[in-house]
């Protein structure tokens, strides 16, 4: 007899790094995540299924722009070069240790051998097991029923702040089409970029008449997307984690409390319909999510685990462990993989027990089974929390072998077996600081949005003149590349990196580069003088979405969505 259902969702996303620098920002960020997260995750899914007969039942979101990069030959070969560089650096550590003048050098040699073997295993998996094609590997385990793959906006554009339904629709249409092309089937679910949602609203159209802009879920439904995920506070009300408005100048941050929302009376133990379309929403279980993602109170902050921020000054290897949250980097103890794996065993025991009791307590108190859905950035596991992929593997194995009362399901499987019985209206929201849009729209980024909105309108104006694909192949290429650049400049990563100060200059430059390329191509199209060599140069850098159809930007009538009229009618009042 089951106590309830458990959905484990992983959201995988990185901005477009292809030919846009290497280190500290650029392709190397992708290669690190491939080595530490994506390949290990596939290995875990594979080993569970092929060695133990266990289907992982993970819901794996892969944003279209990330999928395009994993599918790119330049980046696939670059990843092998990156691994060879890491192996060569570690090899030099094997030669310099043990060193009688270096404390604990015997243990350092042991760690160097550990990483030498680890990187070689990753390379062997990538080249010989997956044949450099991680997309086909994810598709294989999707088709075997081990995982469910979800989609997202094509380039993770911040949906609520886009000015036109045409551009909003293009993000999800191109995103959904890309997922289908690469993984062989249309995704039922999606990750709203940054979990950013807005309701429908009334506005005054160009004709001076009142119009209605549909809610986000209407665009999702018109692209055959059936569900998405959100934060716990969006469903439950109350105070969001970190519910503060951030005001900062040159790194000086001030936190201003926001008013608390009234509790809604709803919980995250079931999914709900949205009011304006037949699209479901699942909220992350706050307790189960916090236990993992919290750096201060969650598992990843344990002193036994590998320290992310300290690297060897010669090889760049991570030879130290967290030790404690208050230990200075210079005083960190050396990493012990055996001790770390022992801690993973304890943490996975605790987590499976926690999920069981959450579901069992809910069933006892409500006399019905409930859902615990947790969602995390995939890159937390392996990249940030080095031992995290092993944690996922052990959690899946322990549920399967020792707690079959917890029914593991993908998100789509859950909704098919337990369709929502209620509809709710959720507020404007995101996963960001304070639960609103401030991280992406603030005094540091406000200059970006008029530019984005100007490009939105300009591409609609241009494309509206070419409803039929032109016979001029050069013009056709230019129109498609214009669409690519428009998508890339809309990426939510650029304002995020500016606000958080993580890569302010890099993000600013990347945004301006895509805007410049967009404007260059738009000028060429409008002037009727397209420079083939210049276009080829841009195409050679930004080659994502190779079968893109610029007609995704054919204008949508204000206040109207381009599908059957009956889809516009609210299903629930």
Protein backbone atom coordinates (compact mmCIF):
# COMPACT_ATOMS: atom_id res chain seq x y z
CA UNK A 1 0.00 0.00 0.00
CA UNK A 2 1.42 3.37 -1.00
CA UNK A 3 1.63 6.40 1.27
CA UNK A 4 1.82 8.88 -1.61
CA UNK A 5 3.72 9.99 -4.70
CA UNK A 6 7.20 11.49 -5.04
CA UNK A 7 8.30 13.55 -8.07
CA UNK A 8 11.99 14.48 -8.34
CA UNK A 9 12.47 17.24 -10.91
CA UNK A 10 15.84 18.50 -12.21
CA UNK A 11 16.02 21.75 -14.20
CA UNK A 12 19.08 21.85 -16.46
CA UNK A 13 20.05 25.20 -17.94
CA UNK A 14 23.10 27.20 -18.95
CA UNK A 15 23.24 30.32 -21.14
CA UNK A 16 24.63 30.18 -24.66
CA UNK A 17 28.42 29.93 -24.25
CA UNK A 18 29.44 28.74 -27.72
CA UNK A 19 32.43 30.72 -29.01
CA UNK A 20 31.84 33.38 -26.36
CA UNK A 21 34.99 33.15 -24.24
CA UNK A 22 36.47 30.29 -22.24
CA UNK A 23 37.43 31.24 -18.68
CA UNK A 24 36.32 32.54 -16.20
CA UNK A 25 33.08 32.87 -18.20
CA UNK A 26 32.33 31.04 -21.39
CA UNK A 27 32.64 27.52 -22.75
CA UNK A 28 34.52 26.22 -19.72
CA UNK A 29 31.38 26.72 -17.62
CA UNK A 30 29.57 24.29 -19.92
CA UNK A 31 32.46 21.81 -19.87
CA UNK A 32 32.60 21.82 -16.06
CA UNK A 33 28.89 21.04 -15.86
CA UNK A 34 29.19 18.33 -18.50
CA UNK A 35 32.03 16.69 -16.57
CA UNK A 36 30.63 17.07 -13.07
CA UNK A 37 26.86 16.89 -13.63
CA UNK A 38 25.49 15.76 -17.00
CA UNK A 39 27.79 12.78 -17.69
CA UNK A 40 27.69 11.55 -14.04
CA UNK A 41 23.89 11.89 -14.02
CA UNK A 42 23.58 9.82 -17.18
CA UNK A 43 25.97 7.25 -15.67
CA UNK A 44 23.80 7.05 -12.55
CA UNK A 45 20.59 6.61 -14.58
CA UNK A 46 22.32 4.02 -16.77
CA UNK A 47 23.83 2.04 -13.89
CA UNK A 48 20.56 1.94 -11.96
CA UNK A 49 18.71 0.61 -14.99
CA UNK A 50 21.28 -1.67 -16.60
CA UNK A 51 22.94 -3.05 -13.46
CA UNK A 52 20.01 -3.09 -11.02
CA UNK A 53 16.87 -2.96 -13.15
CA UNK A 54 15.74 0.28 -11.47
CA UNK A 55 14.09 3.04 -13.49
CA UNK A 56 15.18 6.37 -12.03
CA UNK A 57 11.81 8.05 -12.70
CA UNK A 58 13.44 11.47 -12.75
CA UNK A 59 11.80 14.42 -14.48
CA UNK A 60 14.70 16.06 -16.31
CA UNK A 61 14.21 19.51 -17.73
CA UNK A 62 16.75 20.40 -20.42
CA UNK A 63 16.35 23.89 -21.79
CA UNK A 64 16.43 24.04 -25.58
CA UNK A 65 19.47 26.33 -25.63
CA UNK A 66 21.40 23.90 -23.41
CA UNK A 67 20.29 20.95 -25.55
CA UNK A 68 21.55 22.74 -28.67
CA UNK A 69 24.96 23.18 -27.03
CA UNK A 70 25.17 19.53 -25.96
CA UNK A 71 24.34 18.63 -29.57
CA UNK A 72 27.00 20.92 -31.07
CA UNK A 73 30.10 19.33 -32.64
CA UNK A 74 32.36 22.29 -31.77
CA UNK A 75 31.41 22.02 -28.10
CA UNK A 76 31.59 18.22 -28.07
CA UNK A 77 35.18 18.36 -29.32
CA UNK A 78 35.93 21.24 -26.99
CA UNK A 79 34.77 19.12 -24.07
CA UNK A 80 37.28 16.39 -24.94
CA UNK A 81 40.02 19.02 -25.13
CA UNK A 82 38.93 20.32 -21.74
CA UNK A 83 39.09 16.82 -20.21
CA UNK A 84 42.54 16.24 -21.73
CA UNK A 85 43.70 19.52 -20.20
CA UNK A 86 42.38 18.52 -16.78
CA UNK A 87 43.98 15.05 -17.01
CA UNK A 88 47.32 16.58 -18.01
CA UNK A 89 47.20 19.03 -15.08
CA UNK A 90 46.40 16.26 -12.60
CA UNK A 91 49.20 14.13 -14.07
CA UNK A 92 51.70 16.82 -13.08
CA UNK A 93 50.38 16.63 -9.51
CA UNK A 94 51.02 12.90 -9.56
CA UNK A 95 54.63 13.70 -10.44
CA UNK A 96 55.17 16.40 -7.78
CA UNK A 97 53.70 14.37 -4.91
CA UNK A 98 54.78 13.09 -2.50
CA UNK A 99 56.91 16.11 -1.63
CA UNK A 100 58.74 16.00 1.74
CA UNK A 101 58.40 19.78 2.04
CA UNK A 102 54.62 19.73 1.65
CA UNK A 103 52.39 18.73 4.56
CA UNK A 104 50.16 15.70 3.96
CA UNK A 105 51.68 15.24 0.50
CA UNK A 106 51.00 11.48 0.57
CA UNK A 107 47.28 12.22 0.88
CA UNK A 108 47.59 14.83 -1.87
CA UNK A 109 49.07 12.15 -4.14
CA UNK A 110 46.15 9.87 -3.25
CA UNK A 111 43.72 12.66 -4.21
CA UNK A 112 45.59 13.35 -7.44
CA UNK A 113 45.23 9.68 -8.38
CA UNK A 114 41.56 9.83 -7.40
CA UNK A 115 40.94 12.76 -9.77
CA UNK A 116 43.14 11.26 -12.50
CA UNK A 117 40.95 8.16 -12.49
CA UNK A 118 37.76 10.24 -12.17
CA UNK A 119 38.46 12.45 -15.19
CA UNK A 120 39.54 9.47 -17.28
CA UNK A 121 36.29 7.70 -16.38
CA UNK A 122 34.27 10.75 -17.45
CA UNK A 123 36.17 10.87 -20.75
CA UNK A 124 35.70 7.14 -21.33
CA UNK A 125 31.95 7.48 -20.67
CA UNK A 126 31.61 10.46 -22.98
CA UNK A 127 33.65 9.05 -25.86
CA UNK A 128 33.07 5.28 -25.71
CA UNK A 129 29.73 4.89 -23.94
CA UNK A 130 27.83 7.93 -25.24
CA UNK A 131 29.87 8.49 -28.43
CA UNK A 132 30.02 12.24 -27.64
CA UNK A 133 26.23 12.40 -28.01
CA UNK A 134 24.60 13.14 -24.64
CA UNK A 135 21.33 14.10 -26.34
CA UNK A 136 20.90 10.58 -27.74
CA UNK A 137 21.76 9.14 -24.32
CA UNK A 138 19.07 11.20 -22.59
CA UNK A 139 16.64 10.22 -25.36
CA UNK A 140 17.48 6.55 -24.84
CA UNK A 141 16.58 6.64 -21.16
CA UNK A 142 13.50 8.73 -21.91
CA UNK A 143 12.31 6.05 -24.35
CA UNK A 144 13.04 3.33 -21.77
CA UNK A 145 10.80 5.10 -19.24
CA UNK A 146 13.66 5.97 -16.87
CA UNK A 147 13.22 9.72 -17.21
CA UNK A 148 10.78 12.26 -18.59
CA UNK A 149 12.27 15.23 -20.44
CA UNK A 150 10.60 18.63 -20.20
CA UNK A 151 11.12 21.76 -22.27
CA UNK A 152 11.31 25.51 -21.60
CA UNK A 153 11.50 28.81 -23.41
CA UNK A 154 14.00 28.52 -26.25
CA UNK A 155 16.66 30.70 -24.61
CA UNK A 156 15.17 30.98 -21.11
CA UNK A 157 13.67 34.40 -21.80
CA UNK A 158 11.98 36.05 -18.82
CA UNK A 159 8.39 35.46 -19.93
CA UNK A 160 6.39 38.03 -17.90
CA UNK A 161 8.57 40.96 -19.00
CA UNK A 162 8.36 40.29 -22.74
CA UNK A 163 6.21 43.01 -24.27
CA UNK A 164 4.38 41.04 -26.96
CA UNK A 165 2.49 37.77 -27.15
CA UNK A 166 4.22 37.13 -30.47
CA UNK A 167 7.63 37.01 -28.80
CA UNK A 168 6.32 35.05 -25.83
CA UNK A 169 4.76 32.50 -28.16
CA UNK A 170 7.96 32.27 -30.23
CA UNK A 171 10.04 31.45 -27.14
CA UNK A 172 7.85 28.46 -26.28
CA UNK A 173 7.08 27.37 -29.85
CA UNK A 174 10.74 27.28 -30.87
CA UNK A 175 11.64 25.76 -27.51
CA UNK A 176 9.01 23.03 -27.77
CA UNK A 177 9.87 22.30 -31.41
CA UNK A 178 13.57 22.03 -30.52
CA UNK A 179 12.88 19.55 -27.72
CA UNK A 180 10.78 17.42 -30.08
CA UNK A 181 13.45 17.53 -32.80
CA UNK A 182 16.30 16.52 -30.48
CA UNK A 183 14.53 14.03 -28.18
CA UNK A 184 12.02 12.54 -30.58
CA UNK A 185 8.81 13.47 -28.79
CA UNK A 186 6.95 16.58 -27.78
CA UNK A 187 7.43 17.46 -24.12
CA UNK A 188 4.28 17.51 -22.01
CA UNK A 189 5.79 19.72 -19.33
CA UNK A 190 7.99 22.76 -19.14
CA UNK A 191 10.07 24.77 -16.73
CA UNK A 192 8.97 28.38 -16.76
CA UNK A 193 12.23 30.33 -17.04
CA UNK A 194 13.13 31.55 -13.54
CA UNK A 195 9.72 30.13 -12.44
CA UNK A 196 8.42 33.51 -13.62
CA UNK A 197 4.64 33.72 -13.98
CA UNK A 198 2.11 36.46 -14.63
CA UNK A 199 -1.66 36.49 -14.83
CA UNK A 200 -3.67 37.82 -17.73
CA UNK A 201 -4.38 41.53 -17.69
CA UNK A 202 -6.29 44.28 -19.45
CA UNK A 203 -4.51 46.84 -21.60
CA UNK A 204 -5.28 49.56 -24.10
CA UNK A 205 -4.56 48.52 -27.69
CA UNK A 206 -3.18 50.62 -30.53
CA UNK A 207 -6.75 51.36 -31.57
CA UNK A 208 -7.48 52.82 -28.14
CA UNK A 209 -9.77 49.95 -27.23
CA UNK A 210 -9.50 47.78 -24.16
CA UNK A 211 -7.83 44.43 -24.85
CA UNK A 212 -7.05 41.35 -22.81
CA UNK A 213 -3.55 39.89 -22.67
CA UNK A 214 -3.83 36.19 -21.87
CA UNK A 215 -2.05 34.63 -18.90
CA UNK A 216 1.18 32.68 -19.42
CA UNK A 217 -0.63 29.35 -19.33
CA UNK A 218 -2.62 30.20 -22.48
CA UNK A 219 0.62 30.45 -24.46
CA UNK A 220 1.74 27.15 -22.92
CA UNK A 221 -1.51 25.43 -23.88
CA UNK A 222 -1.26 26.71 -27.43
CA UNK A 223 2.10 24.98 -27.64
CA UNK A 224 0.66 21.73 -26.23
CA UNK A 225 2.40 22.14 -22.87
CA UNK A 226 0.33 20.56 -20.11
CA UNK A 227 2.08 21.51 -16.89
CA UNK A 228 4.83 23.53 -15.20
CA UNK A 229 6.38 23.96 -11.76
CA UNK A 230 6.45 26.76 -9.22
CA UNK A 231 7.71 27.62 -5.74
CA UNK A 232 5.90 26.61 -2.56
CA UNK A 233 5.05 30.17 -1.49
CA UNK A 234 3.23 30.75 -4.79
CA UNK A 235 0.76 28.01 -3.91
CA UNK A 236 0.62 28.42 -0.14
CA UNK A 237 0.99 32.17 0.34
CA UNK A 238 2.82 33.46 3.41
CA UNK A 239 6.40 34.64 3.19
CA UNK A 240 8.71 33.42 0.44
CA UNK A 241 12.20 32.26 1.33
CA UNK A 242 14.37 35.36 1.22
CA UNK A 243 11.34 37.64 0.89
CA UNK A 244 13.32 40.85 0.55
CA UNK A 245 13.66 43.56 -2.03
CA UNK A 246 17.34 44.00 -2.90
CA UNK A 247 18.80 47.45 -3.48
CA UNK A 248 22.50 47.63 -4.15
CA UNK A 249 25.08 49.89 -5.73
CA UNK A 250 28.53 48.53 -6.60
CA UNK A 251 28.03 45.46 -4.44
CA UNK A 252 26.52 47.23 -1.41
CA UNK A 253 23.30 45.36 -0.72
CA UNK A 254 20.36 46.54 1.36
CA UNK A 255 17.47 44.21 2.13
CA UNK A 256 14.01 45.71 2.41
CA UNK A 257 11.25 43.38 3.70
CA UNK A 258 8.22 42.89 1.49
CA UNK A 259 4.71 42.47 2.89
CA UNK A 260 3.69 38.93 3.67
CA UNK A 261 0.97 37.34 1.59
CA UNK A 262 -2.02 35.93 3.35
CA UNK A 263 -2.05 32.11 3.50
CA UNK A 264 -4.13 30.77 0.62
CA UNK A 265 -5.43 27.62 2.30
CA UNK A 266 -3.86 25.50 -0.45
CA UNK A 267 -0.83 23.24 -0.08
CA UNK A 268 1.69 21.61 -2.41
CA UNK A 269 0.50 18.04 -1.80
CA UNK A 270 -1.44 18.04 -5.07
CA UNK A 271 -1.33 19.68 -8.48
CA UNK A 272 -3.84 22.30 -9.61
CA UNK A 273 -5.35 23.57 -12.82
CA UNK A 274 -4.80 27.17 -13.80
CA UNK A 275 -7.99 29.17 -14.44
CA UNK A 276 -7.39 30.35 -18.00
CA UNK A 277 -6.27 27.15 -19.74
CA UNK A 278 -6.09 23.41 -19.13
CA UNK A 279 -2.54 23.60 -17.82
CA UNK A 280 -1.54 22.22 -14.42
CA UNK A 281 0.92 23.62 -11.89
CA UNK A 282 2.91 21.77 -9.22
CA UNK A 283 4.45 23.53 -6.25
CA UNK A 284 7.77 22.50 -4.72
CA UNK A 285 7.48 20.99 -1.26
CA UNK A 286 9.18 23.54 0.96
CA UNK A 287 10.48 21.15 3.63
CA UNK A 288 11.78 18.54 1.21
CA UNK A 289 13.34 21.16 -1.06
CA UNK A 290 14.98 23.20 1.69
CA UNK A 291 16.70 20.11 3.06
CA UNK A 292 18.71 19.82 -0.15
CA UNK A 293 19.16 23.28 -1.64
CA UNK A 294 19.99 25.24 1.50
CA UNK A 295 23.75 25.80 1.63
CA UNK A 296 23.59 26.66 5.32
CA UNK A 297 21.13 24.05 6.60
CA UNK A 298 20.98 21.47 3.81
CA UNK A 299 23.12 18.46 3.06
CA UNK A 300 25.55 20.18 0.63
CA UNK A 301 27.00 22.31 3.43
CA UNK A 302 28.27 19.36 5.46
CA UNK A 303 31.93 19.67 6.37
CA UNK A 304 32.79 16.27 4.87
CA UNK A 305 31.88 17.33 1.36
CA UNK A 306 34.25 18.77 -1.21
CA UNK A 307 34.97 22.50 -1.05
CA UNK A 308 33.92 24.21 -4.28
CA UNK A 309 35.76 27.50 -3.86
CA UNK A 310 39.31 26.37 -3.06
CA UNK A 311 41.49 24.99 -5.85
CA UNK A 312 45.14 23.98 -6.12
CA UNK A 313 47.13 26.93 -7.47
CA UNK A 314 48.90 24.77 -10.07
CA UNK A 315 46.45 22.11 -11.25
CA UNK A 316 43.17 23.72 -10.26
CA UNK A 317 42.11 20.50 -8.52
CA UNK A 318 39.70 20.56 -5.58
CA UNK A 319 41.81 18.92 -2.86
CA UNK A 320 39.96 20.27 0.17
CA UNK A 321 36.70 19.75 1.99
CA UNK A 322 34.27 22.28 3.39
CA UNK A 323 35.45 21.53 6.95
CA UNK A 324 32.97 24.07 8.39
CA UNK A 325 31.04 27.12 7.20
CA UNK A 326 33.26 29.37 9.34
CA UNK A 327 36.63 27.92 8.32
CA UNK A 328 38.76 30.27 6.22
CA UNK A 329 39.79 28.92 2.82
CA UNK A 330 43.41 28.76 3.95
CA UNK A 331 42.50 26.50 6.88
CA UNK A 332 40.40 23.93 5.03
CA UNK A 333 41.15 20.25 5.70
CA UNK A 334 42.02 17.88 2.87
CA UNK A 335 39.18 16.09 1.12
CA UNK A 336 38.46 12.45 1.94
CA UNK A 337 36.30 10.74 -0.72
CA UNK A 338 35.60 7.74 1.54
CA UNK A 339 34.37 9.98 4.36
CA UNK A 340 32.27 11.96 1.88
CA UNK A 341 30.61 8.81 0.52
CA UNK A 342 29.85 7.71 4.06
CA UNK A 343 28.09 11.02 4.62
CA UNK A 344 26.12 10.60 1.38
CA UNK A 345 24.87 7.29 2.76
CA UNK A 346 23.69 8.99 5.95
CA UNK A 347 22.09 11.90 4.10
CA UNK A 348 20.25 9.67 1.63
CA UNK A 349 18.95 7.58 4.55
CA UNK A 350 17.69 10.74 6.20
CA UNK A 351 16.11 12.09 3.01
CA UNK A 352 14.20 8.97 2.06
CA UNK A 353 12.91 8.73 5.63
CA UNK A 354 11.92 12.41 5.53
CA UNK A 355 9.93 11.99 2.30
CA UNK A 356 8.24 8.88 3.67
CA UNK A 357 7.12 10.66 6.84
CA UNK A 358 5.93 13.76 4.97
CA UNK A 359 3.70 11.58 2.80
CA UNK A 360 2.61 9.26 5.60
CA UNK A 361 1.75 12.15 7.94
CA UNK A 362 -0.23 13.83 5.17
CA UNK A 363 -2.14 10.63 4.44
CA UNK A 364 -2.97 10.10 8.12
CA UNK A 365 -4.11 13.68 8.65
CA UNK A 366 -6.05 14.10 5.37
CA UNK A 367 -7.22 10.53 4.82
CA UNK A 368 -5.87 10.58 1.26
CA UNK A 369 -2.55 10.24 -0.53
CA UNK A 370 -0.54 13.31 -1.38
CA UNK A 371 2.31 14.46 -3.60
CA UNK A 372 5.79 15.59 -2.63
CA UNK A 373 7.40 17.32 -5.61
CA UNK A 374 10.94 18.67 -5.33
CA UNK A 375 12.70 20.66 -8.03
CA UNK A 376 16.31 21.76 -8.20
CA UNK A 377 18.86 23.12 -10.64
CA UNK A 378 20.54 20.01 -12.03
CA UNK A 379 23.92 21.72 -11.75
CA UNK A 380 23.60 21.73 -7.95
CA UNK A 381 24.32 18.00 -8.11
CA UNK A 382 27.91 17.28 -9.09
CA UNK A 383 29.03 20.77 -10.08
CA UNK A 384 28.28 22.70 -6.89
CA UNK A 385 27.74 19.70 -4.62
CA UNK A 386 30.31 17.24 -5.94
CA UNK A 387 28.73 14.24 -4.21
CA UNK A 388 25.20 15.22 -5.24
CA UNK A 389 24.75 12.80 -8.14
CA UNK A 390 25.67 9.90 -5.87
CA UNK A 391 23.08 11.25 -3.41
CA UNK A 392 20.39 11.12 -6.14
CA UNK A 393 21.43 7.58 -7.07
CA UNK A 394 21.26 6.36 -3.49
CA UNK A 395 17.89 8.05 -2.87
CA UNK A 396 16.40 6.31 -5.91
CA UNK A 397 17.90 2.96 -4.95
CA UNK A 398 16.73 3.17 -1.32
CA UNK A 399 13.19 4.11 -2.28
CA UNK A 400 13.10 1.21 -4.72
CA UNK A 401 14.59 -1.40 -2.38
CA UNK A 402 13.41 -0.37 1.07
CA UNK A 403 10.50 2.08 0.77
CA UNK A 404 8.27 0.90 -2.08
CA UNK A 405 5.37 2.55 -0.22
CA UNK A 406 6.62 5.82 -1.72
CA UNK A 407 5.49 5.77 -5.34
CA UNK A 408 8.20 7.35 -7.50
CA UNK A 409 6.74 8.95 -10.64
CA UNK A 410 7.70 11.43 -13.30
CA UNK A 411 5.62 14.60 -13.33
CA UNK A 412 3.69 13.53 -16.42
CA UNK A 413 2.95 10.12 -14.94
CA UNK A 414 1.68 11.74 -11.75
CA UNK A 415 -0.70 14.05 -13.61
CA UNK A 416 -2.02 11.20 -15.74
CA UNK A 417 -2.71 9.06 -12.66
CA UNK A 418 -3.83 11.93 -10.41
CA UNK A 419 -5.31 14.75 -12.50
CA UNK A 420 -6.05 17.94 -10.59
CA UNK A 421 -9.49 18.37 -9.06
CA UNK A 422 -9.24 22.08 -8.25
CA UNK A 423 -8.23 25.24 -10.09
CA UNK A 424 -6.37 28.10 -8.41
CA UNK A 425 -5.16 31.54 -9.42
CA UNK A 426 -1.49 32.02 -8.63
CA UNK A 427 0.11 35.46 -8.31
CA UNK A 428 2.80 37.20 -10.31
CA UNK A 429 5.91 35.42 -9.05
CA UNK A 430 9.37 33.96 -9.63
CA UNK A 431 11.96 31.92 -7.76
CA UNK A 432 14.09 35.04 -7.31
CA UNK A 433 14.81 37.10 -4.23
CA UNK A 434 11.49 38.14 -2.71
CA UNK A 435 9.52 35.90 -5.03
CA UNK A 436 8.96 38.66 -7.61
CA UNK A 437 10.72 40.13 -10.68
CA UNK A 438 13.22 42.44 -9.01
CA UNK A 439 16.31 40.32 -9.77
CA UNK A 440 15.66 40.79 -13.51
CA UNK A 441 14.15 44.28 -13.51
CA UNK A 442 15.87 46.81 -11.27
CA UNK A 443 18.02 49.92 -11.38
CA UNK A 444 20.99 47.88 -12.68
CA UNK A 445 19.06 46.30 -15.55
CA UNK A 446 16.31 48.79 -16.39
CA UNK A 447 18.31 50.01 -19.41
CA UNK A 448 18.03 46.57 -21.02
CA UNK A 449 14.27 46.23 -21.25
CA UNK A 450 13.51 49.09 -23.68
CA UNK A 451 16.15 47.55 -25.97
CA UNK A 452 14.60 44.08 -25.68
CA UNK A 453 11.13 45.50 -26.32
CA UNK A 454 12.41 47.51 -29.29
CA UNK A 455 13.86 44.34 -30.83
CA UNK A 456 10.58 42.52 -30.17
CA UNK A 457 8.65 45.08 -32.16
CA UNK A 458 11.26 45.41 -34.90
CA UNK A 459 11.34 41.69 -35.68
CA UNK A 460 7.55 41.60 -35.87
CA UNK A 461 7.56 44.53 -38.29
CA UNK A 462 10.19 42.89 -40.49
CA UNK A 463 8.74 39.37 -40.47
CA UNK A 464 5.22 40.65 -41.21
CA UNK A 465 6.51 41.58 -44.70
CA UNK A 466 7.60 38.00 -45.40
CA UNK A 467 4.63 35.82 -44.55
CA UNK A 468 5.73 33.62 -47.43
CA UNK A 469 9.29 32.29 -47.33
CA UNK A 470 11.28 34.33 -49.88
CA UNK A 471 12.88 32.60 -52.85
CA UNK A 472 16.02 34.64 -52.17
CA UNK A 473 18.02 32.16 -50.07
CA UNK A 474 20.30 34.87 -48.69
CA UNK A 475 17.31 36.85 -47.44
CA UNK A 476 15.81 33.67 -45.98
CA UNK A 477 19.03 32.97 -44.07
CA UNK A 478 19.10 36.54 -42.78
CA UNK A 479 15.52 36.32 -41.52
CA UNK A 480 16.27 33.09 -39.66
CA UNK A 481 19.46 34.52 -38.14
CA UNK A 482 17.54 37.60 -37.06
CA UNK A 483 15.20 35.29 -35.16
CA UNK A 484 18.16 33.53 -33.48
CA UNK A 485 19.72 36.79 -32.32
CA UNK A 486 16.37 38.00 -31.01
CA UNK A 487 16.01 34.85 -28.92
CA UNK A 488 19.58 35.06 -27.63
CA UNK A 489 19.36 38.69 -26.51
CA UNK A 490 16.18 37.80 -24.56
CA UNK A 491 18.01 35.29 -22.31
CA UNK A 492 17.16 35.89 -18.65
CA UNK A 493 20.76 35.01 -17.76
CA UNK A 494 22.08 38.41 -18.82
CA UNK A 495 20.09 40.56 -16.35
CA UNK A 496 20.47 37.89 -13.66
CA UNK A 497 24.28 37.91 -13.91
CA UNK A 498 24.29 41.72 -13.87
CA UNK A 499 22.08 42.00 -10.77
CA UNK A 500 23.91 39.34 -8.79
CA UNK A 501 27.29 40.79 -9.77
CA UNK A 502 28.49 37.26 -10.69
CA UNK A 503 29.61 38.27 -14.18
CA UNK A 504 28.34 41.80 -14.67
CA UNK A 505 30.74 42.88 -17.43
CA UNK A 506 30.56 39.56 -19.28
CA UNK A 507 26.74 39.55 -19.24
CA UNK A 508 26.59 43.18 -20.36
CA UNK A 509 28.96 42.49 -23.25
CA UNK A 510 27.09 39.35 -24.29
CA UNK A 511 23.75 41.18 -24.31
CA UNK A 512 25.15 44.08 -26.33
CA UNK A 513 26.80 41.68 -28.82
CA UNK A 514 23.51 39.94 -29.60
CA UNK A 515 21.72 43.27 -29.87
CA UNK A 516 24.40 44.53 -32.24
CA UNK A 517 24.15 41.39 -34.40
CA UNK A 518 20.36 41.68 -34.40
CA UNK A 519 20.51 45.32 -35.50
CA UNK A 520 23.16 44.62 -38.15
CA UNK A 521 21.00 41.91 -39.74
CA UNK A 522 17.83 43.98 -39.42
CA UNK A 523 19.53 46.93 -41.14
CA UNK A 524 20.72 44.67 -43.96
CA UNK A 525 17.24 43.21 -44.49
CA UNK A 526 15.53 46.60 -44.44
CA UNK A 527 18.09 48.16 -46.79
CA UNK A 528 17.91 45.24 -49.21
CA UNK A 529 21.69 44.97 -49.09
CA UNK A 530 22.66 41.77 -47.26
CA UNK A 531 26.40 41.17 -46.83
CA UNK A 532 26.86 37.42 -47.26
CA UNK A 533 30.29 37.31 -45.60
CA UNK A 534 29.07 39.27 -42.58
CA UNK A 535 26.03 37.03 -42.28
CA UNK A 536 28.22 33.92 -42.51
CA UNK A 537 30.44 35.29 -39.74
CA UNK A 538 27.45 35.70 -37.42
CA UNK A 539 26.01 32.32 -38.41
CA UNK A 540 29.32 30.63 -37.59
CA UNK A 541 29.11 31.87 -33.99
CA UNK A 542 25.38 31.73 -33.21
CA UNK A 543 24.32 28.56 -34.99
CA UNK A 544 21.71 27.29 -32.51
CA UNK A 545 18.23 26.22 -33.67
CA UNK A 546 19.45 25.13 -37.14
CA UNK A 547 15.93 24.51 -38.49
CA UNK A 548 14.38 27.65 -37.02
CA UNK A 549 11.49 29.18 -38.96
CA UNK A 550 11.46 32.98 -38.65
CA UNK A 551 7.68 32.87 -39.25
CA UNK A 552 7.26 32.09 -35.57
CA UNK A 553 7.36 35.90 -35.35
CA UNK A 554 4.43 36.53 -37.67
CA UNK A 555 2.38 39.02 -35.64
CA UNK A 556 -0.34 37.86 -33.31
CA UNK A 557 -3.37 40.12 -33.13
CA UNK A 558 -3.39 42.13 -29.90
CA UNK A 559 -5.40 40.40 -27.21
CA UNK A 560 -5.68 37.22 -29.25
CA UNK A 561 -3.71 33.98 -29.30
CA UNK A 562 -3.24 32.06 -32.60
CA UNK A 563 -5.19 28.88 -31.99
CA UNK A 564 -8.76 27.64 -31.83
CA UNK A 565 -11.09 30.14 -30.21
CA UNK A 566 -12.41 27.52 -27.79
CA UNK A 567 -8.94 27.27 -26.22
CA UNK A 568 -9.29 30.88 -25.12
CA UNK A 569 -12.35 30.24 -23.02
CA UNK A 570 -11.61 29.74 -19.32
CA UNK A 571 -12.20 26.12 -18.38
CA UNK A 572 -12.75 26.99 -14.74
CA UNK A 573 -14.40 30.10 -13.32
